[in-house]
Amino acid sequence: DGVSRVAGGAELPIRRSRGQAPRPLRLPAACVRPVLAAGGHLKNTFALASGRDAFISHHIGDLDEYSAHAAFRGDIALYEQLFGISPRVIAHDLHPDYESTRYAIARARREGLETLAVQHHHAHVASCMAEHGLSEPVIGVAFDGSGYGGDGTVWGGEFLVGDARAVRRAAHLRTVPLPGGEQAVKEPWRMAVSHLLDAGEAIDGMAPGPGSGGARELRLIGRMIEQGVNAPLTSSAGRLFDAIAALAGLRMRMSFEGQAAMELESLAA
């Protein structure tokens, strides 16, 4: 199902699905060649574009789920048949391990198609521009959980200046370590430790909340951060919200993506 909320008295679509997809979006600039945009790994949607029309798919889901991955492949074929569009270019995320990226590269090699890698947060800004019919330069603010950055860090709190063709990273949230990589996404207390240490606070006397790591695990995470072992830097706004949720005692471990931030928002409201 599609999901919307009301903000400032106006409808704000969050997930465009039944009742909306695949109604085309009119693009501010025409595609010279037919394009398939493969989308991201989480909360995937793909799009087919020809001329000034972009046909955006319904919500597919997270591509690490087998059923979603099968639907992703099957629905791309269905949309191409339905709209009579055979892509000559496949646009994909910069992240090499996204299932959508792997699909794009493998198919392009197999069928002799051109590929175009797009930085995750540039895609966010460009899609917002397309939604509102903008083509002039903009300041794009892209806050999310994570995205493959152009400098080897994990982006997610970016201020980008430019247009759909190119952007420069003008500013970003302060980077902090992501201890344990993906594990820190599932366990917000790790980001709480990271932000405390970055702020110059000691964690020796930290009283872990229920569900967080014990004293031994706290020390281990502290050493990982200090030594830079399996602790890539991130500017993610999502991980900042996770840290605040853990520090407030709301959520130490998550059972689904975005849970800590959602509970924090609910409490704040």
C-alpha atoms as a PDB file:
ATOM      1  CA  ASP A   1       0.000   0.000   0.000  1.00  0.00           C
ATOM      2  CA  GLY A   2       0.996   3.616  -0.492  1.00  0.00           C
ATOM      3  CA  VAL A   3       1.811   5.664   2.618  1.00  0.00           C
ATOM      4  CA  SER A   4       1.308   9.412   3.112  1.00  0.00           C
ATOM      5  CA  ARG A   5       1.258  11.790   6.048  1.00  0.00           C
ATOM      6  CA  VAL A   6      -0.027  15.342   6.464  1.00  0.00           C
ATOM      7  CA  ALA A   7       2.634  17.996   7.095  1.00  0.00           C
ATOM      8  CA  GLY A   8       1.791  21.703   7.283  1.00  0.00           C
ATOM      9  CA  GLY A   9      -1.715  20.959   6.064  1.00  0.00           C
ATOM     10  CA  ALA A  10      -0.514  19.288   2.857  1.00  0.00           C
ATOM     11  CA  GLU A  11      -0.160  15.639   1.852  1.00  0.00           C
ATOM     12  CA  LEU A  12       3.438  14.403   1.937  1.00  0.00           C
ATOM     13  CA  PRO A  13       3.847  11.051   0.154  1.00  0.00           C
ATOM     14  CA  ILE A  14       6.248   8.702   1.933  1.00  0.00           C
ATOM     15  CA  ARG A  15       5.782   5.555  -0.118  1.00  0.00           C
ATOM     16  CA  ARG A  16       4.222   5.710  -3.574  1.00  0.00           C
ATOM     17  CA  SER A  17       2.528   2.404  -4.273  1.00  0.00           C
ATOM     18  CA  ARG A  18      -1.012   1.161  -4.989  1.00  0.00           C
ATOM     19  CA  GLY A  19      -3.213   3.987  -6.202  1.00  0.00           C
ATOM     20  CA  GLN A  20      -0.188   5.998  -7.419  1.00  0.00           C
ATOM     21  CA  ALA A  21       2.270   3.670  -9.180  1.00  0.00           C
ATOM     22  CA  PRO A  22       2.939   3.415 -12.075  1.00  0.00           C
ATOM     23  CA  ARG A  23       1.426   6.809 -12.941  1.00  0.00           C
ATOM     24  CA  PRO A  24       4.290   8.564 -14.813  1.00  0.00           C
ATOM     25  CA  LEU A  25       6.273  11.492 -13.490  1.00  0.00           C
ATOM     26  CA  ARG A  26       6.895  14.246 -16.056  1.00  0.00           C
ATOM     27  CA  LEU A  27      10.641  14.931 -16.187  1.00  0.00           C
ATOM     28  CA  PRO A  28      12.104  18.446 -16.490  1.00  0.00           C
ATOM     29  CA  ALA A  29      14.485  17.151 -19.194  1.00  0.00           C
ATOM     30  CA  ALA A  30      13.951  14.426 -21.765  1.00  0.00           C
ATOM     31  CA  CYS A  31      15.898  11.159 -21.783  1.00  0.00           C
ATOM     32  CA  VAL A  32      17.740  10.889 -25.084  1.00  0.00           C
ATOM     33  CA  ARG A  33      17.883   7.099 -24.665  1.00  0.00           C
ATOM     34  CA  PRO A  34      15.544   4.813 -22.668  1.00  0.00           C
ATOM     35  CA  VAL A  35      16.825   4.383 -19.088  1.00  0.00           C
ATOM     36  CA  LEU A  36      16.269   1.853 -16.323  1.00  0.00           C
ATOM     37  CA  ALA A  37      17.070   3.240 -12.862  1.00  0.00           C
ATOM     38  CA  ALA A  38      17.688   0.193 -10.643  1.00  0.00           C
ATOM     39  CA  GLY A  39      17.181   1.967  -7.309  1.00  0.00           C
ATOM     40  CA  GLY A  40      18.729   1.274  -3.919  1.00  0.00           C
ATOM     41  CA  HIS A  41      19.043  -1.817  -1.757  1.00  0.00           C
ATOM     42  CA  LEU A  42      16.632  -0.876   1.041  1.00  0.00           C
ATOM     43  CA  LYS A  43      13.013   0.134   0.366  1.00  0.00           C
ATOM     44  CA  ASN A  44      13.695  -0.403  -3.329  1.00  0.00           C
ATOM     45  CA  THR A  45      11.748   1.083  -6.183  1.00  0.00           C
ATOM     46  CA  PHE A  46      12.975   1.119  -9.775  1.00  0.00           C
ATOM     47  CA  ALA A  47      12.010   3.401 -12.659  1.00  0.00           C
ATOM     48  CA  LEU A  48      11.810   3.232 -16.442  1.00  0.00           C
ATOM     49  CA  ALA A  49      12.175   6.458 -18.384  1.00  0.00           C
ATOM     50  CA  SER A  50      11.684   7.312 -22.020  1.00  0.00           C
ATOM     51  CA  GLY A  51      11.464  10.845 -23.367  1.00  0.00           C
ATOM     52  CA  ARG A  52       9.906  13.087 -20.702  1.00  0.00           C
ATOM     53  CA  ASP A  53       8.081  10.269 -18.853  1.00  0.00           C
ATOM     54  CA  ALA A  54       9.440   8.282 -15.899  1.00  0.00           C
ATOM     55  CA  PHE A  55       7.396   5.276 -14.784  1.00  0.00           C
ATOM     56  CA  ILE A  56       8.228   4.688 -11.118  1.00  0.00           C
ATOM     57  CA  SER A  57       7.498   1.244  -9.736  1.00  0.00           C
ATOM     58  CA  HIS A  58       5.490   0.372  -6.674  1.00  0.00           C
ATOM     59  CA  HIS A  59       7.344  -0.294  -3.392  1.00  0.00           C
ATOM     60  CA  ILE A  60       9.428  -3.475  -3.822  1.00  0.00           C
ATOM     61  CA  GLY A  61      11.107  -3.710  -0.399  1.00  0.00           C
ATOM     62  CA  ASP A  62      14.542  -4.607   0.940  1.00  0.00           C
ATOM     63  CA  LEU A  63      16.491  -6.652  -1.592  1.00  0.00           C
ATOM     64  CA  ASP A  64      18.184  -8.873   0.977  1.00  0.00           C
ATOM     65  CA  GLU A  65      14.789 -10.640   1.217  1.00  0.00           C
ATOM     66  CA  TYR A  66      14.567 -13.379  -1.417  1.00  0.00           C
ATOM     67  CA  SER A  67      10.908 -12.693  -2.241  1.00  0.00           C
ATOM     68  CA  ALA A  68      11.616  -8.985  -2.760  1.00  0.00           C
ATOM     69  CA  HIS A  69      14.654  -9.780  -4.910  1.00  0.00           C
ATOM     70  CA  ALA A  70      12.565 -12.110  -7.091  1.00  0.00           C
ATOM     71  CA  ALA A  71       9.822  -9.466  -7.366  1.00  0.00           C
ATOM     72  CA  PHE A  72      12.429  -6.844  -8.318  1.00  0.00           C
ATOM     73  CA  ARG A  73      13.634  -8.890 -11.301  1.00  0.00           C
ATOM     74  CA  GLY A  74      10.189 -10.036 -12.348  1.00  0.00           C
ATOM     75  CA  ASP A  75       8.550  -6.621 -12.097  1.00  0.00           C
ATOM     76  CA  ILE A  76      11.299  -4.922 -14.129  1.00  0.00           C
ATOM     77  CA  ALA A  77      10.558  -7.372 -16.966  1.00  0.00           C
ATOM     78  CA  LEU A  78       6.813  -6.774 -16.525  1.00  0.00           C
ATOM     79  CA  TYR A  79       7.156  -2.970 -16.649  1.00  0.00           C
ATOM     80  CA  GLU A  80       9.373  -3.109 -19.742  1.00  0.00           C
ATOM     81  CA  GLN A  81       6.766  -5.242 -21.489  1.00  0.00           C
ATOM     82  CA  LEU A  82       3.840  -3.144 -20.232  1.00  0.00           C
ATOM     83  CA  PHE A  83       5.285   0.201 -21.395  1.00  0.00           C
ATOM     84  CA  GLY A  84       7.222  -1.071 -24.411  1.00  0.00           C
ATOM     85  CA  ILE A  85      10.512   0.348 -23.118  1.00  0.00           C
ATOM     86  CA  SER A  86      13.810  -1.452 -23.762  1.00  0.00           C
ATOM     87  CA  PRO A  87      16.523   0.351 -21.769  1.00  0.00           C
ATOM     88  CA  ARG A  88      19.810   1.269 -23.389  1.00  0.00           C
ATOM     89  CA  VAL A  89      21.250   2.691 -20.153  1.00  0.00           C
ATOM     90  CA  ILE A  90      21.002   1.314 -16.612  1.00  0.00           C
ATOM     91  CA  ALA A  91      21.589   3.763 -13.761  1.00  0.00           C
ATOM     92  CA  HIS A  92      22.648   2.239 -10.429  1.00  0.00           C
ATOM     93  CA  ASP A  93      23.941   3.185  -6.984  1.00  0.00           C
ATOM     94  CA  LEU A  94      27.681   3.604  -6.415  1.00  0.00           C
ATOM     95  CA  HIS A  95      27.640   0.882  -3.742  1.00  0.00           C
ATOM     96  CA  PRO A  96      29.105  -2.261  -5.348  1.00  0.00           C
ATOM     97  CA  ASP A  97      27.363  -4.702  -2.975  1.00  0.00           C
ATOM     98  CA  TYR A  98      23.780  -3.505  -3.454  1.00  0.00           C
ATOM     99  CA  GLU A  99      21.729  -6.242  -5.121  1.00  0.00           C
ATOM    100  CA  SER A 100      20.329  -3.586  -7.475  1.00  0.00           C
ATOM    101  CA  THR A 101      23.896  -2.639  -8.484  1.00  0.00           C
ATOM    102  CA  ARG A 102      24.853  -6.261  -9.090  1.00  0.00           C
ATOM    103  CA  TYR A 103      21.738  -6.742 -11.221  1.00  0.00           C
ATOM    104  CA  ALA A 104      22.501  -3.603 -13.250  1.00  0.00           C
ATOM    105  CA  ILE A 105      26.125  -4.502 -13.955  1.00  0.00           C
ATOM    106  CA  ALA A 106      25.413  -8.165 -14.755  1.00  0.00           C
ATOM    107  CA  ARG A 107      22.556  -7.305 -17.110  1.00  0.00           C
ATOM    108  CA  ALA A 108      24.520  -4.546 -18.828  1.00  0.00           C
ATOM    109  CA  ARG A 109      27.390  -6.949 -19.529  1.00  0.00           C
ATOM    110  CA  ARG A 110      25.010  -9.615 -20.772  1.00  0.00           C
ATOM    111  CA  GLU A 111      23.026  -7.315 -23.084  1.00  0.00           C
ATOM    112  CA  GLY A 112      25.715  -4.799 -24.072  1.00  0.00           C
ATOM    113  CA  LEU A 113      24.067  -1.859 -22.300  1.00  0.00           C
ATOM    114  CA  GLU A 114      25.682   1.273 -20.878  1.00  0.00           C
ATOM    115  CA  THR A 115      25.773   1.771 -17.096  1.00  0.00           C
ATOM    116  CA  LEU A 116      25.777   4.993 -15.087  1.00  0.00           C
ATOM    117  CA  ALA A 117      26.833   4.960 -11.419  1.00  0.00           C
ATOM    118  CA  VAL A 118      25.106   7.620  -9.290  1.00  0.00           C
ATOM    119  CA  GLN A 119      26.107   8.633  -5.766  1.00  0.00           C
ATOM    120  CA  HIS A 120      23.346   7.739  -3.322  1.00  0.00           C
ATOM    121  CA  HIS A 121      22.628  11.223  -1.966  1.00  0.00           C
ATOM    122  CA  HIS A 122      22.977  12.933  -5.333  1.00  0.00           C
ATOM    123  CA  ALA A 123      20.187  10.566  -6.396  1.00  0.00           C
ATOM    124  CA  HIS A 124      18.055  11.742  -3.465  1.00  0.00           C
ATOM    125  CA  VAL A 125      18.514  15.375  -4.508  1.00  0.00           C
ATOM    126  CA  ALA A 126      17.975  14.676  -8.221  1.00  0.00           C
ATOM    127  CA  SER A 127      14.784  12.721  -7.534  1.00  0.00           C
ATOM    128  CA  CYS A 128      13.421  15.580  -5.410  1.00  0.00           C
ATOM    129  CA  MET A 129      14.258  17.997  -8.239  1.00  0.00           C
ATOM    130  CA  ALA A 130      12.454  15.768 -10.752  1.00  0.00           C
ATOM    131  CA  GLU A 131       9.404  15.501  -8.485  1.00  0.00           C
ATOM    132  CA  HIS A 132       9.088  19.301  -8.405  1.00  0.00           C
ATOM    133  CA  GLY A 133      10.142  19.942 -12.018  1.00  0.00           C
ATOM    134  CA  LEU A 134      13.348  21.789 -11.133  1.00  0.00           C
ATOM    135  CA  SER A 135      16.388  22.079 -13.404  1.00  0.00           C
ATOM    136  CA  GLU A 136      18.244  25.113 -12.005  1.00  0.00           C
ATOM    137  CA  PRO A 137      21.019  24.689  -9.362  1.00  0.00           C
ATOM    138  CA  VAL A 138      19.792  23.888  -5.852  1.00  0.00           C
ATOM    139  CA  ILE A 139      21.022  23.319  -2.311  1.00  0.00           C
ATOM    140  CA  GLY A 140      20.020  19.737  -1.548  1.00  0.00           C
ATOM    141  CA  VAL A 141      19.889  18.484   2.041  1.00  0.00           C
ATOM    142  CA  ALA A 142      19.996  14.673   2.132  1.00  0.00           C
ATOM    143  CA  PHE A 143      19.585  13.114   5.588  1.00  0.00           C
ATOM    144  CA  ASP A 144      19.218   9.336   5.843  1.00  0.00           C
ATOM    145  CA  GLY A 145      20.707   6.216   7.389  1.00  0.00           C
ATOM    146  CA  SER A 146      23.601   5.566   5.052  1.00  0.00           C
ATOM    147  CA  GLY A 147      24.905   5.794   1.522  1.00  0.00           C
ATOM    148  CA  TYR A 148      28.203   5.014  -0.194  1.00  0.00           C
ATOM    149  CA  GLY A 149      30.208   8.254  -0.132  1.00  0.00           C
ATOM    150  CA  GLY A 150      32.739   9.413  -2.677  1.00  0.00           C
ATOM    151  CA  ASP A 151      35.501   9.710  -0.050  1.00  0.00           C
ATOM    152  CA  GLY A 152      35.391   6.224   1.470  1.00  0.00           C
ATOM    153  CA  THR A 153      33.153   7.224   4.386  1.00  0.00           C
ATOM    154  CA  VAL A 154      29.487   6.408   4.988  1.00  0.00           C
ATOM    155  CA  TRP A 155      27.420   9.486   4.127  1.00  0.00           C
ATOM    156  CA  GLY A 156      23.969  10.349   5.443  1.00  0.00           C
ATOM    157  CA  GLY A 157      23.933  13.973   6.597  1.00  0.00           C
ATOM    158  CA  GLU A 158      24.840  15.883   3.443  1.00  0.00           C
ATOM    159  CA  PHE A 159      24.460  19.396   2.055  1.00  0.00           C
ATOM    160  CA  LEU A 160      24.954  19.141  -1.709  1.00  0.00           C
ATOM    161  CA  VAL A 161      25.074  22.060  -4.142  1.00  0.00           C
ATOM    162  CA  GLY A 162      24.443  21.562  -7.860  1.00  0.00           C
ATOM    163  CA  ASP A 163      21.870  20.039 -10.172  1.00  0.00           C
ATOM    164  CA  ALA A 164      20.811  16.676 -11.580  1.00  0.00           C
ATOM    165  CA  ARG A 165      24.014  16.466 -13.645  1.00  0.00           C
ATOM    166  CA  ALA A 166      26.559  17.065 -10.863  1.00  0.00           C
ATOM    167  CA  VAL A 167      26.811  18.221  -7.250  1.00  0.00           C
ATOM    168  CA  ARG A 168      29.550  19.139  -4.808  1.00  0.00           C
ATOM    169  CA  ARG A 169      29.489  18.285  -1.121  1.00  0.00           C
ATOM    170  CA  ALA A 170      29.382  21.729   0.476  1.00  0.00           C
ATOM    171  CA  ALA A 171      28.929  20.564   4.086  1.00  0.00           C
ATOM    172  CA  HIS A 172      27.978  17.558   6.182  1.00  0.00           C
ATOM    173  CA  LEU A 173      27.272  16.477   9.724  1.00  0.00           C
ATOM    174  CA  ARG A 174      30.371  15.779  11.808  1.00  0.00           C
ATOM    175  CA  THR A 175      31.734  12.290  11.097  1.00  0.00           C
ATOM    176  CA  VAL A 176      31.990   9.744  13.906  1.00  0.00           C
ATOM    177  CA  PRO A 177      33.027   6.074  13.895  1.00  0.00           C
ATOM    178  CA  LEU A 178      30.473   3.373  13.089  1.00  0.00           C
ATOM    179  CA  PRO A 179      31.717   0.609  15.439  1.00  0.00           C
ATOM    180  CA  GLY A 180      31.095  -2.814  13.942  1.00  0.00           C
ATOM    181  CA  GLY A 181      29.796  -1.446  10.655  1.00  0.00           C
ATOM    182  CA  GLU A 182      26.340  -2.919   9.954  1.00  0.00           C
ATOM    183  CA  GLN A 183      26.121  -4.209  13.534  1.00  0.00           C
ATOM    184  CA  ALA A 184      25.997  -0.602  14.759  1.00  0.00           C
ATOM    185  CA  VAL A 185      22.863  -0.108  12.652  1.00  0.00           C
ATOM    186  CA  LYS A 186      21.160  -2.945  14.561  1.00  0.00           C
ATOM    187  CA  GLU A 187      22.480  -1.910  17.996  1.00  0.00           C
ATOM    188  CA  PRO A 188      22.009   1.852  18.595  1.00  0.00           C
ATOM    189  CA  TRP A 189      23.907   1.726  21.910  1.00  0.00           C
ATOM    190  CA  ARG A 190      27.111   1.384  19.847  1.00  0.00           C
ATOM    191  CA  MET A 191      26.418   4.758  18.228  1.00  0.00           C
ATOM    192  CA  ALA A 192      25.731   6.217  21.679  1.00  0.00           C
ATOM    193  CA  VAL A 193      29.235   5.148  22.733  1.00  0.00           C
ATOM    194  CA  SER A 194      30.690   6.574  19.511  1.00  0.00           C
ATOM    195  CA  HIS A 195      29.037   9.974  19.975  1.00  0.00           C
ATOM    196  CA  LEU A 196      29.967  10.119  23.675  1.00  0.00           C
ATOM    197  CA  LEU A 197      33.629   9.462  22.899  1.00  0.00           C
ATOM    198  CA  ASP A 198      33.564  11.975  20.028  1.00  0.00           C
ATOM    199  CA  ALA A 199      32.189  14.571  22.462  1.00  0.00           C
ATOM    200  CA  GLY A 200      35.087  13.912  24.841  1.00  0.00           C
ATOM    201  CA  GLU A 201      32.986  12.045  27.402  1.00  0.00           C
ATOM    202  CA  ALA A 202      34.347   9.052  29.300  1.00  0.00           C
ATOM    203  CA  ILE A 203      32.468   5.765  28.962  1.00  0.00           C
ATOM    204  CA  ASP A 204      34.167   3.935  31.848  1.00  0.00           C
ATOM    205  CA  GLY A 205      31.387   4.821  34.262  1.00  0.00           C
ATOM    206  CA  MET A 206      28.615   4.571  31.695  1.00  0.00           C
ATOM    207  CA  ALA A 207      25.642   2.602  33.004  1.00  0.00           C
ATOM    208  CA  PRO A 208      24.427   0.525  30.036  1.00  0.00           C
ATOM    209  CA  GLY A 209      20.670   0.354  29.640  1.00  0.00           C
ATOM    210  CA  PRO A 210      18.789  -2.951  29.360  1.00  0.00           C
ATOM    211  CA  GLY A 211      19.663  -4.652  26.094  1.00  0.00           C
ATOM    212  CA  SER A 212      22.970  -2.841  25.595  1.00  0.00           C
ATOM    213  CA  GLY A 213      26.403  -4.385  25.841  1.00  0.00           C
ATOM    214  CA  GLY A 214      27.906  -5.146  29.212  1.00  0.00           C
ATOM    215  CA  ALA A 215      30.988  -3.465  30.683  1.00  0.00           C
ATOM    216  CA  ARG A 216      33.335  -5.805  28.795  1.00  0.00           C
ATOM    217  CA  GLU A 217      31.611  -5.157  25.471  1.00  0.00           C
ATOM    218  CA  LEU A 218      31.624  -1.413  26.143  1.00  0.00           C
ATOM    219  CA  ARG A 219      35.405  -1.494  26.596  1.00  0.00           C
ATOM    220  CA  LEU A 220      35.782  -3.567  23.415  1.00  0.00           C
ATOM    221  CA  ILE A 221      33.704  -1.090  21.390  1.00  0.00           C
ATOM    222  CA  GLY A 222      35.743   1.767  22.886  1.00  0.00           C
ATOM    223  CA  ARG A 223      38.996   0.122  21.734  1.00  0.00           C
ATOM    224  CA  MET A 224      37.552  -0.521  18.234  1.00  0.00           C
ATOM    225  CA  ILE A 225      36.739   3.178  17.954  1.00  0.00           C
ATOM    226  CA  GLU A 226      40.102   4.368  19.309  1.00  0.00           C
ATOM    227  CA  GLN A 227      42.096   2.041  17.034  1.00  0.00           C
ATOM    228  CA  GLY A 228      39.855   2.465  13.977  1.00  0.00           C
ATOM    229  CA  VAL A 229      39.243  -1.283  13.634  1.00  0.00           C
ATOM    230  CA  ASN A 230      36.012  -2.117  11.774  1.00  0.00           C
ATOM    231  CA  ALA A 231      34.795   1.382  12.572  1.00  0.00           C
ATOM    232  CA  PRO A 232      34.337   3.363   9.337  1.00  0.00           C
ATOM    233  CA  LEU A 233      33.471   7.047   9.670  1.00  0.00           C
ATOM    234  CA  THR A 234      29.906   8.161   9.061  1.00  0.00           C
ATOM    235  CA  SER A 235      28.083  11.481   8.774  1.00  0.00           C
ATOM    236  CA  SER A 236      24.684   9.762   8.993  1.00  0.00           C
ATOM    237  CA  ALA A 237      21.753  11.663  10.488  1.00  0.00           C
ATOM    238  CA  GLY A 238      19.989   8.334  11.002  1.00  0.00           C
ATOM    239  CA  ARG A 239      22.810   7.025  13.188  1.00  0.00           C
ATOM    240  CA  LEU A 240      22.719  10.288  15.177  1.00  0.00           C
ATOM    241  CA  PHE A 241      19.015   9.709  15.908  1.00  0.00           C
ATOM    242  CA  ASP A 242      19.885   6.119  16.908  1.00  0.00           C
ATOM    243  CA  ALA A 243      22.485   7.398  19.370  1.00  0.00           C
ATOM    244  CA  ILE A 244      20.017   9.852  20.925  1.00  0.00           C
ATOM    245  CA  ALA A 245      17.369   7.116  21.242  1.00  0.00           C
ATOM    246  CA  ALA A 246      19.875   4.889  23.054  1.00  0.00           C
ATOM    247  CA  LEU A 247      21.082   7.701  25.337  1.00  0.00           C
ATOM    248  CA  ALA A 248      17.444   8.448  26.204  1.00  0.00           C
ATOM    249  CA  GLY A 249      16.981   4.794  27.162  1.00  0.00           C
ATOM    250  CA  LEU A 250      14.424   4.128  24.416  1.00  0.00           C
ATOM    251  CA  ARG A 251      16.048   1.483  22.249  1.00  0.00           C
ATOM    252  CA  MET A 252      19.347  -0.409  22.530  1.00  0.00           C
ATOM    253  CA  ARG A 253      18.742  -3.067  19.872  1.00  0.00           C
ATOM    254  CA  MET A 254      16.468  -2.880  16.832  1.00  0.00           C
ATOM    255  CA  SER A 255      14.280  -5.579  15.325  1.00  0.00           C
ATOM    256  CA  PHE A 256      13.572  -3.593  12.138  1.00  0.00           C
ATOM    257  CA  GLU A 257      15.262  -0.782  10.203  1.00  0.00           C
ATOM    258  CA  GLY A 258      14.510   2.714  11.545  1.00  0.00           C
ATOM    259  CA  GLN A 259      12.855   1.479  14.755  1.00  0.00           C
ATOM    260  CA  ALA A 260      14.848   3.647  17.184  1.00  0.00           C
ATOM    261  CA  ALA A 261      14.265   6.867  15.232  1.00  0.00           C
ATOM    262  CA  MET A 262      10.547   6.095  14.860  1.00  0.00           C
ATOM    263  CA  GLU A 263      10.161   5.555  18.599  1.00  0.00           C
ATOM    264  CA  LEU A 264      12.107   8.728  19.323  1.00  0.00           C
ATOM    265  CA  GLU A 265       9.854  10.697  16.944  1.00  0.00           C
ATOM    266  CA  SER A 266       6.740   9.204  18.532  1.00  0.00           C
ATOM    267  CA  LEU A 267       7.908  10.201  22.027  1.00  0.00           C
ATOM    268  CA  ALA A 268       8.883  13.707  20.871  1.00  0.00           C
ATOM    269  CA  ALA A 269       5.441  14.197  19.308  1.00  0.00           C
END
